[in-house]
C-alpha atoms as a PDB file:
ATOM      1  CA  UNK A   1      73.876 -15.675  52.390  1.00  0.00           C
ATOM      2  CA  UNK A   2      72.417 -18.214  54.815  1.00  0.00           C
ATOM      3  CA  UNK A   3      69.282 -20.325  54.417  1.00  0.00           C
ATOM      4  CA  UNK A   4      67.002 -18.089  56.461  1.00  0.00           C
ATOM      5  CA  UNK A   5      68.277 -14.902  54.845  1.00  0.00           C
ATOM      6  CA  UNK A   6      67.595 -16.501  51.454  1.00  0.00           C
ATOM      7  CA  UNK A   7      64.031 -17.376  52.445  1.00  0.00           C
ATOM      8  CA  UNK A   8      63.351 -13.943  53.880  1.00  0.00           C
ATOM      9  CA  UNK A   9      64.778 -12.060  50.896  1.00  0.00           C
ATOM     10  CA  UNK A  10      63.241 -14.028  48.041  1.00  0.00           C
ATOM     11  CA  UNK A  11      60.238 -15.894  49.430  1.00  0.00           C
ATOM     12  CA  UNK A  12      59.084 -14.002  52.526  1.00  0.00           C
ATOM     13  CA  UNK A  13      56.455 -11.494  51.406  1.00  0.00           C
ATOM     14  CA  UNK A  14      56.306  -9.107  54.360  1.00  0.00           C
ATOM     15  CA  UNK A  15      53.170  -7.018  54.473  1.00  0.00           C
ATOM     16  CA  UNK A  16      51.179  -9.218  52.116  1.00  0.00           C
ATOM     17  CA  UNK A  17      48.010 -10.713  53.554  1.00  0.00           C
ATOM     18  CA  UNK A  18      47.780 -14.462  53.842  1.00  0.00           C
ATOM     19  CA  UNK A  19      44.071 -14.364  53.107  1.00  0.00           C
ATOM     20  CA  UNK A  20      42.759 -15.823  49.873  1.00  0.00           C
ATOM     21  CA  UNK A  21      39.305 -15.518  48.420  1.00  0.00           C
ATOM     22  CA  UNK A  22      37.097 -17.989  50.304  1.00  0.00           C
ATOM     23  CA  UNK A  23      39.951 -19.425  52.388  1.00  0.00           C
ATOM     24  CA  UNK A  24      42.640 -18.350  54.820  1.00  0.00           C
ATOM     25  CA  UNK A  25      46.308 -19.122  55.379  1.00  0.00           C
ATOM     26  CA  UNK A  26      46.155 -18.155  59.030  1.00  0.00           C
ATOM     27  CA  UNK A  27      49.891 -18.659  59.562  1.00  0.00           C
ATOM     28  CA  UNK A  28      52.417 -19.139  56.776  1.00  0.00           C
ATOM     29  CA  UNK A  29      56.190 -18.847  56.468  1.00  0.00           C
ATOM     30  CA  UNK A  30      58.130 -18.445  59.705  1.00  0.00           C
ATOM     31  CA  UNK A  31      56.917 -21.269  61.942  1.00  0.00           C
ATOM     32  CA  UNK A  32      57.304 -25.052  62.064  1.00  0.00           C
ATOM     33  CA  UNK A  33      53.952 -25.562  60.347  1.00  0.00           C
ATOM     34  CA  UNK A  34      51.507 -23.488  58.343  1.00  0.00           C
ATOM     35  CA  UNK A  35      48.002 -23.095  59.733  1.00  0.00           C
ATOM     36  CA  UNK A  36      45.278 -23.317  57.082  1.00  0.00           C
ATOM     37  CA  UNK A  37      41.566 -22.742  57.534  1.00  0.00           C
ATOM     38  CA  UNK A  38      39.417 -24.484  54.890  1.00  0.00           C
ATOM     39  CA  UNK A  39      36.219 -22.930  53.645  1.00  0.00           C
ATOM     40  CA  UNK A  40      33.108 -24.438  55.251  1.00  0.00           C
ATOM     41  CA  UNK A  41      31.470 -27.059  53.058  1.00  0.00           C
ATOM     42  CA  UNK A  42      34.559 -27.544  50.860  1.00  0.00           C
ATOM     43  CA  UNK A  43      37.132 -30.299  50.422  1.00  0.00           C
ATOM     44  CA  UNK A  44      40.895 -29.862  50.131  1.00  0.00           C
ATOM     45  CA  UNK A  45      42.636 -31.117  47.005  1.00  0.00           C
ATOM     46  CA  UNK A  46      46.404 -31.608  47.270  1.00  0.00           C
ATOM     47  CA  UNK A  47      48.943 -32.210  44.501  1.00  0.00           C
ATOM     48  CA  UNK A  48      52.741 -32.335  44.316  1.00  0.00           C
ATOM     49  CA  UNK A  49      55.153 -32.081  41.391  1.00  0.00           C
ATOM     50  CA  UNK A  50      58.931 -32.306  41.282  1.00  0.00           C
ATOM     51  CA  UNK A  51      61.014 -30.682  38.534  1.00  0.00           C
ATOM     52  CA  UNK A  52      64.551 -31.998  38.078  1.00  0.00           C
ATOM     53  CA  UNK A  53      67.118 -30.212  35.912  1.00  0.00           C
ATOM     54  CA  UNK A  54      67.871 -32.205  32.775  1.00  0.00           C
ATOM     55  CA  UNK A  55      64.719 -34.275  33.179  1.00  0.00           C
ATOM     56  CA  UNK A  56      61.905 -31.730  33.339  1.00  0.00           C
ATOM     57  CA  UNK A  57      63.641 -28.552  32.249  1.00  0.00           C
ATOM     58  CA  UNK A  58      66.770 -27.533  30.391  1.00  0.00           C
ATOM     59  CA  UNK A  59      69.606 -25.492  31.847  1.00  0.00           C
ATOM     60  CA  UNK A  60      68.914 -22.844  29.190  1.00  0.00           C
ATOM     61  CA  UNK A  61      65.490 -21.893  30.596  1.00  0.00           C
ATOM     62  CA  UNK A  62      65.338 -18.432  32.172  1.00  0.00           C
ATOM     63  CA  UNK A  63      64.852 -18.382  35.970  1.00  0.00           C
ATOM     64  CA  UNK A  64      61.644 -16.352  35.600  1.00  0.00           C
ATOM     65  CA  UNK A  65      60.120 -18.892  33.238  1.00  0.00           C
ATOM     66  CA  UNK A  66      61.245 -21.737  35.489  1.00  0.00           C
ATOM     67  CA  UNK A  67      59.538 -20.136  38.480  1.00  0.00           C
ATOM     68  CA  UNK A  68      56.352 -19.808  36.442  1.00  0.00           C
ATOM     69  CA  UNK A  69      56.436 -23.396  35.235  1.00  0.00           C
ATOM     70  CA  UNK A  70      57.225 -24.875  38.656  1.00  0.00           C
ATOM     71  CA  UNK A  71      53.938 -23.518  39.968  1.00  0.00           C
ATOM     72  CA  UNK A  72      51.996 -23.847  36.707  1.00  0.00           C
ATOM     73  CA  UNK A  73      52.299 -27.631  36.568  1.00  0.00           C
ATOM     74  CA  UNK A  74      50.711 -27.868  40.017  1.00  0.00           C
ATOM     75  CA  UNK A  75      47.966 -25.394  39.191  1.00  0.00           C
ATOM     76  CA  UNK A  76      47.237 -27.494  36.110  1.00  0.00           C
ATOM     77  CA  UNK A  77      46.581 -30.521  38.335  1.00  0.00           C
ATOM     78  CA  UNK A  78      44.206 -28.444  40.458  1.00  0.00           C
ATOM     79  CA  UNK A  79      42.514 -27.192  37.282  1.00  0.00           C
ATOM     80  CA  UNK A  80      41.953 -30.766  36.104  1.00  0.00           C
ATOM     81  CA  UNK A  81      40.046 -31.437  39.314  1.00  0.00           C
ATOM     82  CA  UNK A  82      38.010 -28.213  39.134  1.00  0.00           C
ATOM     83  CA  UNK A  83      39.711 -26.753  42.201  1.00  0.00           C
ATOM     84  CA  UNK A  84      40.265 -23.158  43.246  1.00  0.00           C
ATOM     85  CA  UNK A  85      43.952 -22.725  44.238  1.00  0.00           C
ATOM     86  CA  UNK A  86      44.560 -21.665  47.853  1.00  0.00           C
ATOM     87  CA  UNK A  87      48.090 -22.345  49.148  1.00  0.00           C
ATOM     88  CA  UNK A  88      51.360 -23.911  48.052  1.00  0.00           C
ATOM     89  CA  UNK A  89      54.638 -25.097  49.583  1.00  0.00           C
ATOM     90  CA  UNK A  90      58.056 -24.891  47.905  1.00  0.00           C
ATOM     91  CA  UNK A  91      61.009 -27.188  48.567  1.00  0.00           C
ATOM     92  CA  UNK A  92      64.090 -25.980  46.751  1.00  0.00           C
ATOM     93  CA  UNK A  93      67.543 -27.576  46.426  1.00  0.00           C
ATOM     94  CA  UNK A  94      70.265 -25.283  45.054  1.00  0.00           C
ATOM     95  CA  UNK A  95      73.868 -26.099  44.099  1.00  0.00           C
ATOM     96  CA  UNK A  96      74.825 -22.664  45.450  1.00  0.00           C
ATOM     97  CA  UNK A  97      73.218 -19.346  46.349  1.00  0.00           C
ATOM     98  CA  UNK A  98      72.794 -17.572  43.011  1.00  0.00           C
ATOM     99  CA  UNK A  99      71.030 -14.280  43.684  1.00  0.00           C
ATOM    100  CA  UNK A 100      70.323 -13.576  40.018  1.00  0.00           C
ATOM    101  CA  UNK A 101      68.678 -16.986  39.640  1.00  0.00           C
ATOM    102  CA  UNK A 102      66.668 -16.596  42.844  1.00  0.00           C
ATOM    103  CA  UNK A 103      65.404 -13.125  41.923  1.00  0.00           C
ATOM    104  CA  UNK A 104      64.184 -14.280  38.516  1.00  0.00           C
ATOM    105  CA  UNK A 105      62.748 -17.538  39.849  1.00  0.00           C
ATOM    106  CA  UNK A 106      60.825 -15.760  42.613  1.00  0.00           C
ATOM    107  CA  UNK A 107      59.526 -13.180  40.140  1.00  0.00           C
ATOM    108  CA  UNK A 108      58.052 -15.800  37.829  1.00  0.00           C
ATOM    109  CA  UNK A 109      56.715 -17.839  40.732  1.00  0.00           C
ATOM    110  CA  UNK A 110      54.912 -14.948  42.404  1.00  0.00           C
ATOM    111  CA  UNK A 111      53.602 -13.407  39.196  1.00  0.00           C
ATOM    112  CA  UNK A 112      51.646 -16.595  38.567  1.00  0.00           C
ATOM    113  CA  UNK A 113      50.751 -17.015  42.240  1.00  0.00           C
ATOM    114  CA  UNK A 114      49.295 -13.505  42.386  1.00  0.00           C
ATOM    115  CA  UNK A 115      47.362 -14.058  39.151  1.00  0.00           C
ATOM    116  CA  UNK A 116      45.617 -17.024  40.776  1.00  0.00           C
ATOM    117  CA  UNK A 117      45.482 -15.647  44.346  1.00  0.00           C
ATOM    118  CA  UNK A 118      47.421 -18.568  45.789  1.00  0.00           C
ATOM    119  CA  UNK A 119      49.697 -18.039  48.803  1.00  0.00           C
ATOM    120  CA  UNK A 120      53.159 -19.474  49.481  1.00  0.00           C
ATOM    121  CA  UNK A 121      52.634 -20.907  52.959  1.00  0.00           C
ATOM    122  CA  UNK A 122      55.959 -22.636  53.661  1.00  0.00           C
ATOM    123  CA  UNK A 123      58.517 -25.145  52.422  1.00  0.00           C
ATOM    124  CA  UNK A 124      62.212 -25.932  52.723  1.00  0.00           C
ATOM    125  CA  UNK A 125      65.579 -25.051  51.191  1.00  0.00           C
ATOM    126  CA  UNK A 126      68.810 -27.013  51.085  1.00  0.00           C
ATOM    127  CA  UNK A 127      72.064 -27.355  49.181  1.00  0.00           C
ATOM    128  CA  UNK A 128      72.189 -29.961  46.413  1.00  0.00           C
ATOM    129  CA  UNK A 129      71.586 -30.544  42.692  1.00  0.00           C
ATOM    130  CA  UNK A 130      68.953 -28.124  41.339  1.00  0.00           C
ATOM    131  CA  UNK A 131      65.594 -29.628  42.223  1.00  0.00           C
ATOM    132  CA  UNK A 132      62.203 -27.938  42.597  1.00  0.00           C
ATOM    133  CA  UNK A 133      59.271 -29.471  44.411  1.00  0.00           C
ATOM    134  CA  UNK A 134      55.933 -27.758  44.947  1.00  0.00           C
ATOM    135  CA  UNK A 135      52.925 -29.043  46.824  1.00  0.00           C
ATOM    136  CA  UNK A 136      49.753 -27.093  46.048  1.00  0.00           C
ATOM    137  CA  UNK A 137      46.370 -27.106  47.759  1.00  0.00           C
ATOM    138  CA  UNK A 138      42.992 -26.104  46.409  1.00  0.00           C
ATOM    139  CA  UNK A 139      39.344 -26.337  47.322  1.00  0.00           C
ATOM    140  CA  UNK A 140      36.121 -27.519  45.727  1.00  0.00           C
ATOM    141  CA  UNK A 141      32.599 -27.637  47.119  1.00  0.00           C
ATOM    142  CA  UNK A 142      32.146 -31.048  48.735  1.00  0.00           C
ATOM    143  CA  UNK A 143      31.523 -33.781  46.176  1.00  0.00           C
ATOM    144  CA  UNK A 144      32.228 -31.601  43.121  1.00  0.00           C
ATOM    145  CA  UNK A 145      35.844 -32.551  42.325  1.00  0.00           C
ATOM    146  CA  UNK A 146      36.422 -33.660  38.735  1.00  0.00           C
ATOM    147  CA  UNK A 147      37.993 -37.118  38.681  1.00  0.00           C
ATOM    148  CA  UNK A 148      39.458 -39.489  36.099  1.00  0.00           C
ATOM    149  CA  UNK A 149      36.914 -42.199  36.880  1.00  0.00           C
ATOM    150  CA  UNK A 150      33.628 -40.677  35.671  1.00  0.00           C
ATOM    151  CA  UNK A 151      33.718 -41.010  31.859  1.00  0.00           C
ATOM    152  CA  UNK A 152      30.661 -42.779  30.450  1.00  0.00           C
ATOM    153  CA  UNK A 153      29.969 -44.520  27.146  1.00  0.00           C
ATOM    154  CA  UNK A 154      28.548 -41.964  24.713  1.00  0.00           C
ATOM    155  CA  UNK A 155      30.328 -38.980  26.278  1.00  0.00           C
ATOM    156  CA  UNK A 156      32.115 -36.557  23.998  1.00  0.00           C
ATOM    157  CA  UNK A 157      35.871 -36.040  24.498  1.00  0.00           C
ATOM    158  CA  UNK A 158      37.064 -32.431  24.558  1.00  0.00           C
ATOM    159  CA  UNK A 159      40.462 -30.726  24.598  1.00  0.00           C
ATOM    160  CA  UNK A 160      41.338 -27.155  25.558  1.00  0.00           C
ATOM    161  CA  UNK A 161      43.754 -24.860  23.732  1.00  0.00           C
ATOM    162  CA  UNK A 162      46.205 -26.441  21.314  1.00  0.00           C
ATOM    163  CA  UNK A 163      48.457 -29.462  21.646  1.00  0.00           C
ATOM    164  CA  UNK A 164      51.970 -30.407  20.640  1.00  0.00           C
ATOM    165  CA  UNK A 165      53.954 -27.155  20.651  1.00  0.00           C
ATOM    166  CA  UNK A 166      56.007 -28.077  23.713  1.00  0.00           C
ATOM    167  CA  UNK A 167      57.099 -31.347  22.105  1.00  0.00           C
ATOM    168  CA  UNK A 168      57.903 -29.481  18.893  1.00  0.00           C
ATOM    169  CA  UNK A 169      60.167 -27.117  20.859  1.00  0.00           C
ATOM    170  CA  UNK A 170      61.860 -30.088  22.505  1.00  0.00           C
ATOM    171  CA  UNK A 171      62.621 -31.645  19.126  1.00  0.00           C
ATOM    172  CA  UNK A 172      64.266 -28.378  18.055  1.00  0.00           C
ATOM    173  CA  UNK A 173      66.374 -28.413  21.225  1.00  0.00           C
ATOM    174  CA  UNK A 174      67.325 -32.016  20.436  1.00  0.00           C
ATOM    175  CA  UNK A 175      68.408 -30.999  16.943  1.00  0.00           C
ATOM    176  CA  UNK A 176      65.979 -33.311  15.125  1.00  0.00           C
ATOM    177  CA  UNK A 177      63.959 -30.404  13.645  1.00  0.00           C
ATOM    178  CA  UNK A 178      64.539 -26.779  12.739  1.00  0.00           C
ATOM    179  CA  UNK A 179      62.243 -23.753  12.837  1.00  0.00           C
ATOM    180  CA  UNK A 180      62.612 -20.065  12.113  1.00  0.00           C
ATOM    181  CA  UNK A 181      63.615 -17.934  15.091  1.00  0.00           C
ATOM    182  CA  UNK A 182      60.061 -16.540  15.376  1.00  0.00           C
ATOM    183  CA  UNK A 183      58.469 -19.990  15.217  1.00  0.00           C
ATOM    184  CA  UNK A 184      60.893 -21.385  17.760  1.00  0.00           C
ATOM    185  CA  UNK A 185      60.221 -18.512  20.174  1.00  0.00           C
ATOM    186  CA  UNK A 186      56.495 -19.213  19.879  1.00  0.00           C
ATOM    187  CA  UNK A 187      56.653 -22.919  20.662  1.00  0.00           C
ATOM    188  CA  UNK A 188      59.406 -22.483  23.254  1.00  0.00           C
ATOM    189  CA  UNK A 189      57.125 -20.128  25.174  1.00  0.00           C
ATOM    190  CA  UNK A 190      54.481 -22.841  25.275  1.00  0.00           C
ATOM    191  CA  UNK A 191      57.063 -25.287  26.600  1.00  0.00           C
ATOM    192  CA  UNK A 192      58.525 -23.022  29.254  1.00  0.00           C
ATOM    193  CA  UNK A 193      55.490 -20.965  30.364  1.00  0.00           C
ATOM    194  CA  UNK A 194      52.352 -23.110  30.145  1.00  0.00           C
ATOM    195  CA  UNK A 195      49.101 -21.466  31.236  1.00  0.00           C
ATOM    196  CA  UNK A 196      47.139 -23.629  33.693  1.00  0.00           C
ATOM    197  CA  UNK A 197      43.438 -23.804  32.773  1.00  0.00           C
ATOM    198  CA  UNK A 198      42.143 -23.027  36.256  1.00  0.00           C
ATOM    199  CA  UNK A 199      39.120 -20.980  35.170  1.00  0.00           C
ATOM    200  CA  UNK A 200      38.012 -23.675  32.731  1.00  0.00           C
ATOM    201  CA  UNK A 201      38.356 -26.383  35.372  1.00  0.00           C
ATOM    202  CA  UNK A 202      36.056 -24.473  37.710  1.00  0.00           C
ATOM    203  CA  UNK A 203      33.569 -23.840  34.892  1.00  0.00           C
ATOM    204  CA  UNK A 204      33.413 -27.589  34.188  1.00  0.00           C
ATOM    205  CA  UNK A 205      32.325 -28.539  37.713  1.00  0.00           C
ATOM    206  CA  UNK A 206      28.981 -30.293  37.488  1.00  0.00           C
ATOM    207  CA  UNK A 207      29.330 -30.501  33.700  1.00  0.00           C
ATOM    208  CA  UNK A 208      32.361 -32.639  32.832  1.00  0.00           C
ATOM    209  CA  UNK A 209      32.160 -36.311  33.796  1.00  0.00           C
ATOM    210  CA  UNK A 210      35.955 -36.723  33.982  1.00  0.00           C
ATOM    211  CA  UNK A 211      39.097 -34.695  33.385  1.00  0.00           C
ATOM    212  CA  UNK A 212      42.896 -34.881  33.374  1.00  0.00           C
ATOM    213  CA  UNK A 213      45.621 -32.445  32.399  1.00  0.00           C
ATOM    214  CA  UNK A 214      47.860 -33.249  29.443  1.00  0.00           C
ATOM    215  CA  UNK A 215      51.305 -33.410  30.999  1.00  0.00           C
ATOM    216  CA  UNK A 216      52.779 -36.604  29.544  1.00  0.00           C
ATOM    217  CA  UNK A 217      50.971 -36.688  26.179  1.00  0.00           C
ATOM    218  CA  UNK A 218      47.333 -36.860  25.099  1.00  0.00           C
ATOM    219  CA  UNK A 219      47.301 -40.583  24.351  1.00  0.00           C
ATOM    220  CA  UNK A 220      48.801 -41.560  27.690  1.00  0.00           C
ATOM    221  CA  UNK A 221      46.864 -39.109  29.841  1.00  0.00           C
ATOM    222  CA  UNK A 222      43.524 -39.891  28.203  1.00  0.00           C
ATOM    223  CA  UNK A 223      44.462 -43.532  28.641  1.00  0.00           C
ATOM    224  CA  UNK A 224      44.497 -42.989  32.422  1.00  0.00           C
ATOM    225  CA  UNK A 225      40.913 -41.719  32.234  1.00  0.00           C
ATOM    226  CA  UNK A 226      39.809 -44.669  30.129  1.00  0.00           C
ATOM    227  CA  UNK A 227      41.445 -47.132  32.486  1.00  0.00           C
ATOM    228  CA  UNK A 228      39.998 -45.581  35.631  1.00  0.00           C
ATOM    229  CA  UNK A 229      36.561 -45.273  34.019  1.00  0.00           C
ATOM    230  CA  UNK A 230      36.698 -48.786  32.499  1.00  0.00           C
ATOM    231  CA  UNK A 231      35.773 -47.573  29.017  1.00  0.00           C
ATOM    232  CA  UNK A 232      37.446 -47.053  25.635  1.00  0.00           C
ATOM    233  CA  UNK A 233      37.497 -44.218  23.119  1.00  0.00           C
ATOM    234  CA  UNK A 234      38.116 -43.107  19.555  1.00  0.00           C
ATOM    235  CA  UNK A 235      39.931 -39.851  18.770  1.00  0.00           C
ATOM    236  CA  UNK A 236      39.760 -38.052  15.409  1.00  0.00           C
ATOM    237  CA  UNK A 237      43.283 -36.935  14.513  1.00  0.00           C
ATOM    238  CA  UNK A 238      42.031 -34.216  12.158  1.00  0.00           C
ATOM    239  CA  UNK A 239      40.047 -32.603  14.990  1.00  0.00           C
ATOM    240  CA  UNK A 240      42.937 -32.301  17.441  1.00  0.00           C
ATOM    241  CA  UNK A 241      43.692 -28.569  17.882  1.00  0.00           C
ATOM    242  CA  UNK A 242      47.158 -27.429  16.828  1.00  0.00           C
ATOM    243  CA  UNK A 243      48.988 -24.166  16.277  1.00  0.00           C
ATOM    244  CA  UNK A 244      49.816 -22.810  12.839  1.00  0.00           C
ATOM    245  CA  UNK A 245      53.478 -23.654  13.484  1.00  0.00           C
ATOM    246  CA  UNK A 246      52.776 -27.321  14.192  1.00  0.00           C
ATOM    247  CA  UNK A 247      50.139 -27.472  11.445  1.00  0.00           C
ATOM    248  CA  UNK A 248      52.798 -26.594   8.873  1.00  0.00           C
ATOM    249  CA  UNK A 249      54.981 -29.570   9.844  1.00  0.00           C
ATOM    250  CA  UNK A 250      54.973 -32.986   8.105  1.00  0.00           C
ATOM    251  CA  UNK A 251      52.140 -35.346   9.087  1.00  0.00           C
ATOM    252  CA  UNK A 252      54.337 -37.727  11.062  1.00  0.00           C
ATOM    253  CA  UNK A 253      55.715 -34.874  13.177  1.00  0.00           C
ATOM    254  CA  UNK A 254      52.216 -33.539  13.817  1.00  0.00           C
ATOM    255  CA  UNK A 255      51.050 -36.983  14.904  1.00  0.00           C
ATOM    256  CA  UNK A 256      54.039 -37.427  17.241  1.00  0.00           C
ATOM    257  CA  UNK A 257      53.556 -34.035  18.901  1.00  0.00           C
ATOM    258  CA  UNK A 258      49.759 -34.131  19.123  1.00  0.00           C
ATOM    259  CA  UNK A 259      49.386 -37.624  20.522  1.00  0.00           C
ATOM    260  CA  UNK A 260      52.517 -38.340  22.535  1.00  0.00           C
ATOM    261  CA  UNK A 261      54.146 -34.979  23.254  1.00  0.00           C
ATOM    262  CA  UNK A 262      54.116 -33.827  26.871  1.00  0.00           C
ATOM    263  CA  UNK A 263      54.182 -30.480  28.668  1.00  0.00           C
ATOM    264  CA  UNK A 264      51.015 -29.113  27.032  1.00  0.00           C
ATOM    265  CA  UNK A 265      49.157 -28.657  30.358  1.00  0.00           C
ATOM    266  CA  UNK A 266      45.858 -28.386  28.547  1.00  0.00           C
ATOM    267  CA  UNK A 267      42.770 -30.188  29.837  1.00  0.00           C
ATOM    268  CA  UNK A 268      41.238 -33.242  28.198  1.00  0.00           C
ATOM    269  CA  UNK A 269      37.788 -33.971  29.573  1.00  0.00           C
ATOM    270  CA  UNK A 270      34.573 -35.826  28.853  1.00  0.00           C
ATOM    271  CA  UNK A 271      31.000 -34.552  28.944  1.00  0.00           C
ATOM    272  CA  UNK A 272      27.590 -35.865  27.897  1.00  0.00           C
ATOM    273  CA  UNK A 273      26.829 -35.462  24.202  1.00  0.00           C
ATOM    274  CA  UNK A 274      23.773 -33.335  24.980  1.00  0.00           C
ATOM    275  CA  UNK A 275      25.964 -30.873  26.929  1.00  0.00           C
ATOM    276  CA  UNK A 276      27.708 -29.608  23.782  1.00  0.00           C
ATOM    277  CA  UNK A 277      26.356 -26.050  24.012  1.00  0.00           C
ATOM    278  CA  UNK A 278      27.084 -25.816  27.737  1.00  0.00           C
ATOM    279  CA  UNK A 279      30.692 -26.961  27.249  1.00  0.00           C
ATOM    280  CA  UNK A 280      31.212 -24.315  24.577  1.00  0.00           C
ATOM    281  CA  UNK A 281      29.753 -21.725  26.954  1.00  0.00           C
ATOM    282  CA  UNK A 282      32.082 -22.892  29.750  1.00  0.00           C
ATOM    283  CA  UNK A 283      34.997 -22.355  27.400  1.00  0.00           C
ATOM    284  CA  UNK A 284      33.742 -18.926  26.398  1.00  0.00           C
ATOM    285  CA  UNK A 285      33.122 -17.804  29.986  1.00  0.00           C
ATOM    286  CA  UNK A 286      36.598 -18.972  31.048  1.00  0.00           C
ATOM    287  CA  UNK A 287      38.315 -17.440  28.036  1.00  0.00           C
ATOM    288  CA  UNK A 288      39.568 -20.843  26.907  1.00  0.00           C
ATOM    289  CA  UNK A 289      38.908 -22.378  23.479  1.00  0.00           C
ATOM    290  CA  UNK A 290      37.645 -25.964  23.638  1.00  0.00           C
ATOM    291  CA  UNK A 291      37.347 -28.555  20.874  1.00  0.00           C
ATOM    292  CA  UNK A 292      35.365 -31.796  20.608  1.00  0.00           C
ATOM    293  CA  UNK A 293      37.823 -34.454  19.435  1.00  0.00           C
ATOM    294  CA  UNK A 294      36.311 -37.885  20.025  1.00  0.00           C
ATOM    295  CA  UNK A 295      33.805 -40.147  21.720  1.00  0.00           C
ATOM    296  CA  UNK A 296      33.859 -42.511  24.702  1.00  0.00           C
ATOM    297  CA  UNK A 297      33.004 -46.082  23.719  1.00  0.00           C
ATOM    298  CA  UNK A 298      32.352 -49.417  25.358  1.00  0.00           C
ATOM    299  CA  UNK A 299      35.201 -51.332  23.653  1.00  0.00           C
ATOM    300  CA  UNK A 300      38.374 -51.049  25.775  1.00  0.00           C
ATOM    301  CA  UNK A 301      41.440 -49.177  24.561  1.00  0.00           C
ATOM    302  CA  UNK A 302      42.181 -45.994  22.664  1.00  0.00           C
ATOM    303  CA  UNK A 303      41.765 -45.814  18.906  1.00  0.00           C
ATOM    304  CA  UNK A 304      42.798 -42.914  16.668  1.00  0.00           C
ATOM    305  CA  UNK A 305      41.346 -42.475  13.189  1.00  0.00           C
ATOM    306  CA  UNK A 306      42.467 -40.301  10.291  1.00  0.00           C
ATOM    307  CA  UNK A 307      40.351 -37.889   8.258  1.00  0.00           C
ATOM    308  CA  UNK A 308      38.827 -40.778   6.293  1.00  0.00           C
ATOM    309  CA  UNK A 309      37.913 -42.631   9.485  1.00  0.00           C
ATOM    310  CA  UNK A 310      40.664 -45.228   9.055  1.00  0.00           C
ATOM    311  CA  UNK A 311      42.525 -46.421  12.156  1.00  0.00           C
ATOM    312  CA  UNK A 312      46.108 -45.252  12.566  1.00  0.00           C
ATOM    313  CA  UNK A 313      48.684 -47.981  12.843  1.00  0.00           C
ATOM    314  CA  UNK A 314      51.415 -48.183  15.471  1.00  0.00           C
ATOM    315  CA  UNK A 315      51.633 -47.768  19.223  1.00  0.00           C
ATOM    316  CA  UNK A 316      50.913 -44.582  21.143  1.00  0.00           C
ATOM    317  CA  UNK A 317      53.711 -44.208  23.702  1.00  0.00           C
ATOM    318  CA  UNK A 318      53.554 -41.151  25.954  1.00  0.00           C
ATOM    319  CA  UNK A 319      56.254 -39.940  28.325  1.00  0.00           C
ATOM    320  CA  UNK A 320      57.290 -42.216  31.170  1.00  0.00           C
ATOM    321  CA  UNK A 321      59.828 -40.938  33.731  1.00  0.00           C
ATOM    322  CA  UNK A 322      61.521 -44.339  33.963  1.00  0.00           C
ATOM    323  CA  UNK A 323      61.356 -45.337  30.288  1.00  0.00           C
ATOM    324  CA  UNK A 324      61.673 -42.131  28.236  1.00  0.00           C
END
């Protein structure tokens, strides 16, 4: 099978409209460039993520789950900025044409794309080590994008969903921990099929003062917000949301997974203290549980305290692609 046959069979969606709610992909796959028409009064937001086998995903992941995750990590970035997804581009390097892999990958990719009404508008394919790169585009009303730089002293810090399950699954894969088959299936699903919090991100427009998605670990990703906003913060370890599986693990494992584990793709965001009820309502309306976990402070740096309010000792090192 040649390159163009591959594209047509697995990624060309003949008969499907290129129109998305509020925006239009006027011309997608099949030409040298896509033609996109932004919605009047909106701004484009663009993000790109690369997934490399052995670095971002294991060879044991199913193709369907890999297709889901490849798009999900980009949608999570759009969610963190409060954007509505519109179009995406896929660049795919394959060691060989594996039709079973491509069918499963495309299935997972398009199931998530259809759920969020985002259109594949183009990309590239080539031979090489397995490598997935997606560039996604979304829209927000002009001036309403959520950024990392808006946190203010006195703001509450919030987290969506639960944290740490993906890191727990990774430790099982590494052989450092063991779980029952049912527990492992539960946390592995969180690792391999994260759910981007797109609806919550939109609900937080005009309410959150800053936001970021938790991709490399809560401590590191929140640290980016603090640095860009030139503030500090204190987190309460006991208030960090966790699954029953993680909650049954020893304290040191919980701390590792909650604070420095990556691949959660939840949102951590800040909002004024007097917006507490409105944040809870945003979570309810978007179908996403949210939890208040800390406070933005004037003193620089990130501090984490235990249930008695005592500072935790040790460094908080999140994932770094060139150090981890």
